[in-house]
Protein backbone atom coordinates (compact mmCIF):
# COMPACT_ATOMS: atom_id res chain seq x y z
CA MET A 1 -18.10 -110.43 -13.23
CA GLY A 2 -14.59 -110.59 -13.96
CA PHE A 3 -10.78 -110.65 -11.67
CA GLY A 4 -8.20 -109.00 -11.97
CA ILE A 5 -4.70 -110.21 -13.42
CA SER A 6 -3.35 -109.83 -10.06
CA GLN A 7 -4.99 -111.84 -8.11
CA PHE A 8 -3.19 -115.07 -9.72
CA ILE A 9 -0.56 -116.05 -9.11
CA MET A 10 1.60 -116.12 -12.35
CA ARG A 11 4.38 -115.65 -13.82
CA LEU A 12 4.79 -114.62 -17.40
CA ILE A 13 6.74 -117.42 -19.96
CA HIS A 14 5.77 -115.22 -23.07
CA ILE A 15 4.98 -111.46 -24.74
CA GLY A 16 3.44 -112.28 -28.55
CA LYS A 17 3.24 -109.92 -30.81
CA VAL A 18 -0.36 -109.44 -29.82
CA LYS A 19 -1.04 -110.98 -26.46
CA ASP A 20 1.39 -112.06 -22.86
CA ILE A 21 1.08 -116.21 -21.93
CA TYR A 22 1.36 -116.51 -18.46
CA GLN A 23 2.01 -119.95 -15.92
CA LEU A 24 -0.76 -120.37 -13.31
CA GLU A 25 0.79 -121.96 -9.73
CA ASN A 26 -2.33 -124.43 -11.08
CA GLY A 27 -0.66 -125.62 -14.02
CA ASN A 28 -3.02 -124.06 -16.63
CA ILE A 29 -2.14 -120.91 -18.61
CA LEU A 30 -3.32 -117.34 -19.24
CA PHE A 31 -4.37 -115.49 -22.17
CA HIS A 32 -3.79 -111.81 -22.61
CA PHE A 33 -5.26 -110.20 -25.04
CA SER A 34 -3.94 -107.45 -25.61
CA ASP A 35 -4.78 -104.28 -28.48
CA ARG A 36 -1.64 -104.43 -30.10
CA ILE A 37 -1.78 -105.26 -33.27
CA SER A 38 1.52 -106.37 -35.92
CA ALA A 39 2.05 -106.59 -39.72
CA PHE A 40 3.82 -108.46 -42.00
CA ASP A 41 5.29 -110.09 -39.43
CA VAL A 42 6.41 -106.68 -37.64
CA LYS A 43 4.86 -105.50 -34.77
CA MET A 44 3.46 -102.56 -34.44
CA ALA A 45 3.53 -99.30 -31.93
CA THR A 46 -0.75 -97.67 -32.04
CA PRO A 47 -2.93 -99.72 -30.35
CA ILE A 48 -6.49 -100.53 -31.21
CA PRO A 49 -8.80 -99.47 -28.42
CA ARG A 50 -11.25 -102.99 -27.58
CA LYS A 51 -8.70 -105.33 -29.68
CA GLY A 52 -7.75 -107.32 -27.31
CA GLU A 53 -11.65 -107.71 -25.56
CA VAL A 54 -12.78 -108.54 -29.30
CA LEU A 55 -9.39 -111.27 -29.70
CA CYS A 56 -10.82 -112.55 -25.39
CA LYS A 57 -14.23 -113.32 -26.19
CA PHE A 58 -13.86 -114.37 -30.30
CA ALA A 59 -11.68 -116.95 -28.78
CA GLN A 60 -14.56 -117.68 -26.69
CA PHE A 61 -17.49 -117.86 -28.98
CA TRP A 62 -15.80 -119.42 -31.62
CA PHE A 63 -14.59 -122.68 -28.88
CA GLU A 64 -17.93 -122.66 -28.11
CA THR A 65 -20.34 -122.81 -31.38
CA LEU A 66 -17.75 -124.88 -32.62
CA GLN A 67 -18.31 -127.26 -30.64
CA THR A 68 -14.51 -129.03 -30.87
CA PRO A 69 -12.24 -130.44 -28.29
CA ASN A 70 -10.33 -127.37 -27.38
CA HIS A 71 -8.06 -126.36 -24.38
CA MET A 72 -11.35 -123.19 -23.24
CA LEU A 73 -11.41 -123.40 -19.71
CA LYS A 74 -12.79 -120.05 -18.50
CA ILE A 75 -12.96 -116.36 -19.04
CA VAL A 76 -11.03 -114.55 -16.58
CA ASP A 77 -11.20 -111.26 -17.03
CA LYS A 78 -12.69 -109.79 -20.56
CA ASP A 79 -9.16 -109.47 -21.50
CA LYS A 80 -8.17 -112.98 -20.66
CA MET A 81 -8.87 -116.57 -20.40
CA GLU A 82 -7.84 -119.11 -18.80
CA VAL A 83 -6.56 -122.85 -20.83
CA LYS A 84 -5.45 -125.59 -20.15
CA LYS A 85 -1.47 -126.30 -21.33
CA LEU A 86 -1.32 -128.12 -24.59
CA LYS A 87 1.77 -129.40 -26.58
CA MET A 88 1.33 -127.70 -29.25
CA ILE A 89 1.59 -129.04 -32.53
CA PRO A 90 4.33 -126.74 -34.68
CA ILE A 91 3.12 -126.19 -37.78
CA GLU A 92 -0.39 -123.58 -38.83
CA CYS A 93 -2.66 -124.13 -39.89
CA VAL A 94 -4.43 -122.71 -42.91
CA VAL A 95 -7.79 -122.47 -44.58
CA ARG A 96 -7.50 -120.89 -47.72
CA GLY A 97 -11.20 -120.34 -49.46
CA TYR A 98 -10.21 -117.56 -51.89
CA PHE A 99 -8.68 -116.90 -54.12
CA TYR A 100 -6.41 -114.20 -51.42
CA GLY A 101 -3.63 -113.06 -49.79
CA SER A 102 -0.52 -114.67 -50.02
CA TYR A 103 -2.15 -117.38 -51.65
CA VAL A 104 -1.90 -114.69 -55.29
CA ASP A 105 1.98 -114.37 -54.56
CA ARG A 106 1.88 -117.98 -54.79
CA TYR A 107 -0.37 -119.68 -57.24
CA GLU A 108 2.54 -120.20 -60.34
CA GLN A 109 4.99 -121.79 -58.16
CA ILE A 110 1.39 -124.30 -56.89
CA ARG A 111 -0.52 -124.42 -59.20
CA GLY A 112 -2.58 -128.02 -60.04
CA LYS A 113 -1.49 -128.02 -55.98
CA GLY A 114 -5.42 -128.95 -54.97
CA LEU A 115 -7.16 -126.86 -57.65
CA PRO A 116 -8.31 -128.20 -60.42
CA SER A 117 -6.88 -126.92 -63.69
CA SER A 118 -10.12 -125.61 -65.09
CA PHE A 119 -10.01 -123.03 -62.74
CA ILE A 120 -9.36 -119.26 -63.85
CA PRO A 121 -7.56 -117.71 -61.14
CA VAL A 122 -9.44 -114.43 -60.23
CA LEU A 123 -8.69 -112.01 -57.60
CA ALA A 124 -11.07 -113.21 -54.67
CA SER A 125 -12.38 -116.35 -56.89
CA LYS A 126 -14.16 -118.43 -54.38
CA LEU A 127 -12.25 -121.97 -54.63
CA PRO A 128 -14.02 -124.72 -55.93
CA GLN A 129 -12.90 -126.27 -52.30
CA PRO A 130 -10.79 -125.56 -49.53
CA ILE A 131 -7.70 -126.30 -49.55
CA PHE A 132 -5.66 -126.94 -46.56
CA ASP A 133 -1.91 -124.80 -47.21
CA PRO A 134 0.49 -125.24 -43.51
CA THR A 135 3.08 -122.41 -42.74
CA THR A 136 5.69 -122.93 -40.56
CA LYS A 137 5.23 -121.60 -36.89
CA SER A 138 8.01 -118.58 -36.11
CA GLU A 139 7.60 -115.88 -34.43
CA ASP A 140 9.80 -113.61 -37.48
CA HIS A 141 7.96 -115.28 -40.37
CA ASP A 142 5.05 -118.61 -41.77
CA TYR A 143 5.87 -119.73 -44.73
CA PRO A 144 4.69 -122.49 -46.30
CA VAL A 145 5.54 -125.91 -45.69
CA ASP A 146 3.61 -128.93 -47.67
CA ARG A 147 2.52 -132.32 -46.33
CA GLN A 148 6.00 -134.46 -46.87
CA THR A 149 8.42 -131.79 -45.76
CA LEU A 150 6.90 -132.21 -42.15
CA VAL A 151 6.10 -135.78 -41.98
CA PHE A 152 10.39 -135.17 -43.35
CA SER A 153 11.20 -133.80 -40.74
CA GLY A 154 9.36 -135.18 -37.66
CA ALA A 155 7.55 -131.83 -37.20
CA ILE A 156 4.18 -134.41 -37.13
CA SER A 157 3.19 -138.01 -38.18
CA GLU A 158 0.83 -138.57 -41.10
CA ASP A 159 -2.15 -140.13 -39.76
CA ASP A 160 -1.62 -136.88 -37.10
CA TYR A 161 -1.11 -134.77 -41.20
CA ASP A 162 -4.33 -135.85 -42.17
CA THR A 163 -6.80 -135.33 -38.98
CA ILE A 164 -5.33 -131.59 -38.84
CA GLU A 165 -5.97 -131.43 -42.38
CA ARG A 166 -9.66 -133.07 -42.27
CA THR A 167 -10.18 -131.27 -38.97
CA SER A 168 -9.52 -127.58 -40.67
CA ILE A 169 -11.36 -127.75 -43.76
CA SER A 170 -14.73 -129.06 -41.52
CA LEU A 171 -14.31 -126.09 -38.61
CA TYR A 172 -13.89 -123.81 -41.62
CA ARG A 173 -16.29 -125.01 -43.43
CA LYS A 174 -18.45 -124.66 -40.07
CA MET A 175 -17.49 -121.50 -39.75
CA SER A 176 -18.48 -120.45 -42.34
CA GLU A 177 -22.16 -120.95 -42.18
CA VAL A 178 -22.17 -118.94 -38.84
CA VAL A 179 -20.65 -116.29 -40.79
CA ASP A 180 -23.08 -116.74 -43.65
CA ARG A 181 -26.05 -116.78 -41.54
CA ALA A 182 -24.07 -113.47 -40.11
CA GLY A 183 -23.84 -111.12 -43.77
CA PHE A 184 -20.49 -112.12 -44.02
CA ILE A 185 -17.73 -114.81 -45.76
CA LEU A 186 -14.54 -115.86 -43.99
CA ALA A 187 -11.58 -116.03 -46.86
CA ASP A 188 -9.98 -117.92 -44.70
CA VAL A 189 -8.58 -118.77 -41.23
CA LYS A 190 -5.49 -120.04 -39.29
CA PHE A 191 -5.34 -123.14 -36.88
CA GLU A 192 -3.32 -124.30 -33.77
CA PHE A 193 -2.93 -127.34 -32.62
CA GLY A 194 -0.85 -128.68 -29.93
CA ARG A 195 -1.82 -132.48 -27.26
CA ASP A 196 -3.38 -132.91 -23.96
CA GLU A 197 -1.88 -134.24 -20.93
CA LYS A 198 -3.92 -137.25 -22.33
CA GLY A 199 -1.73 -136.88 -25.21
CA ASN A 200 -5.58 -135.96 -27.12
CA LEU A 201 -5.16 -133.59 -30.27
CA VAL A 202 -7.47 -130.84 -29.10
CA LEU A 203 -8.27 -126.39 -30.39
CA GLY A 204 -5.47 -124.43 -28.88
CA ASP A 205 -4.18 -121.23 -29.64
CA SER A 206 -7.43 -118.52 -29.99
CA LEU A 207 -9.89 -118.18 -32.75
CA GLY A 208 -10.29 -114.58 -34.38
CA PRO A 209 -10.06 -111.14 -36.27
CA ASP A 210 -6.38 -112.65 -35.70
CA GLU A 211 -7.15 -115.12 -37.09
CA TYR A 212 -8.49 -115.19 -40.34
CA ARG A 213 -10.58 -112.69 -43.11
CA LEU A 214 -13.32 -111.54 -42.71
CA TRP A 215 -15.85 -109.65 -45.51
CA LEU A 216 -19.16 -108.53 -45.94
CA LYS A 217 -21.49 -110.34 -48.70
CA ASN A 218 -22.93 -106.91 -49.91
CA GLU A 219 -19.48 -105.08 -50.34
CA TYR A 220 -17.67 -108.34 -51.76
CA HIS A 221 -16.62 -108.18 -55.12
CA PRO A 222 -14.78 -110.21 -56.95
CA GLY A 223 -11.82 -109.17 -59.13
CA LYS A 224 -11.11 -106.21 -56.62
CA ILE A 225 -9.61 -105.75 -52.92
CA GLN A 226 -11.37 -106.61 -50.70
CA GLU A 227 -13.13 -104.80 -47.72
CA SER A 228 -11.87 -106.73 -44.58
CA TYR A 229 -12.96 -106.99 -40.77
CA ASP A 230 -10.14 -107.68 -39.81
CA LYS A 231 -7.07 -106.62 -39.67
CA GLN A 232 -6.53 -106.50 -43.29
CA LEU A 233 -7.37 -103.11 -43.52
CA LEU A 234 -4.12 -102.06 -41.56
CA ARG A 235 -1.93 -104.49 -44.57
CA ASP A 236 -4.31 -102.69 -47.09
CA TRP A 237 -2.65 -98.97 -45.64
CA LEU A 238 0.81 -100.36 -44.89
CA ILE A 239 0.78 -101.09 -48.43
CA LYS A 240 -0.32 -97.56 -49.14
CA ILE A 241 2.01 -95.74 -47.38
CA GLY A 242 5.17 -97.81 -48.79
CA PHE A 243 5.85 -99.51 -45.30
CA LYS A 244 5.74 -103.13 -47.39
CA ASP A 245 8.72 -102.12 -49.35
CA SER A 246 10.72 -100.82 -46.89
CA ILE A 247 9.99 -104.08 -45.46
CA GLU A 248 11.25 -106.07 -48.76
CA SER A 249 13.68 -103.93 -48.98
CA LEU A 250 14.79 -104.34 -45.14
CA ALA A 251 14.41 -108.30 -45.57
CA LYS A 252 17.78 -108.13 -47.58
CA GLU A 253 19.99 -107.08 -45.28
CA GLY A 254 18.17 -109.20 -42.55
CA LYS A 255 17.09 -105.87 -40.53
CA LYS A 256 12.97 -104.78 -39.74
CA PRO A 257 11.96 -100.76 -40.61
CA ASP A 258 10.44 -99.32 -37.53
CA PRO A 259 6.57 -99.38 -37.65
CA PRO A 260 5.18 -95.95 -38.38
CA GLN A 261 2.03 -94.45 -35.92
CA ILE A 262 -1.39 -95.22 -37.39
CA PHE A 263 -2.98 -92.85 -38.48
CA SER A 264 -5.48 -91.75 -35.92
CA SER A 265 -8.59 -92.65 -38.27
CA VAL A 266 -7.20 -96.06 -38.61
CA VAL A 267 -7.27 -96.72 -35.79
CA LYS A 268 -10.38 -96.15 -35.63
CA GLU A 269 -12.21 -97.95 -38.71
CA LEU A 270 -9.63 -100.47 -37.07
CA SER A 271 -11.83 -101.26 -33.64
CA ARG A 272 -15.30 -100.84 -34.78
CA ARG A 273 -15.03 -102.46 -37.37
CA TYR A 274 -13.60 -105.53 -34.57
CA ILE A 275 -16.69 -105.03 -32.42
CA PHE A 276 -18.90 -104.87 -35.14
CA ALA A 277 -17.58 -107.58 -37.11
CA TYR A 278 -17.79 -109.50 -33.20
CA GLN A 279 -21.28 -108.49 -32.38
CA MET A 280 -23.08 -109.65 -35.81
CA ILE A 281 -21.36 -112.52 -36.03
CA SER A 282 -21.60 -114.37 -32.05
CA GLY A 283 -25.21 -112.21 -31.36
CA ARG A 284 -24.08 -110.13 -28.32
CA ARG A 285 -23.34 -107.60 -27.30
CA LEU A 286 -19.54 -105.56 -25.93
């Protein structure tokens, strides 16, 4: 049985794009996963029903299933999780298994880095091996960054970078095996790591459809845009209505456009896909 948020003595310390973070009296952190959704670094004004619950339960499932050191302590309510406080490593650890997303746009600049010369860049094709493709961590916009830059800036040591790269790729492979058995493909995923009070490097933040691209195996067709069971559905809709073009245009002036109201059909389908993916992969009912 869950406990209401009012039963905790806590202090709001951060309102994120999709979750609110509280400092608890016992020194731990409380994540409140909201129904908010963002895309292209813009918070949408329209909530997605049950999204927060799915994100919370998915994070719990992955932390338990992957059996790697992580910061989860317990589920407090259907959309709230108590975690250990970490000193976060300031990078987002992206692992890509398929030729998709922003990786496609950057391919000409990164050609030869991690990919054999024989690789044929077909949209949504499987990469010869998973590629570690870290980015900076920002509330505004994340940018790709390489090992040399991160180490030189002091953001991370060489040993920690190598450990995180190795761990991220290993976790991606494990997650891929799990979703494959449920009839899905994990195209890419983003991990975050931090150090606990003993200095141990552990998996932090959360893991769910806001952190990865998920495709149904029986709908997968290389060479085309894939039907996604994550927030890519929203990104595709925003591109279709011209919102991404507005973002790029206003970015030149250092501005962002106001978010559009998401069509009810898109809202319902996003909610349905989030719930469906969770129940199929976890084998659990909401």
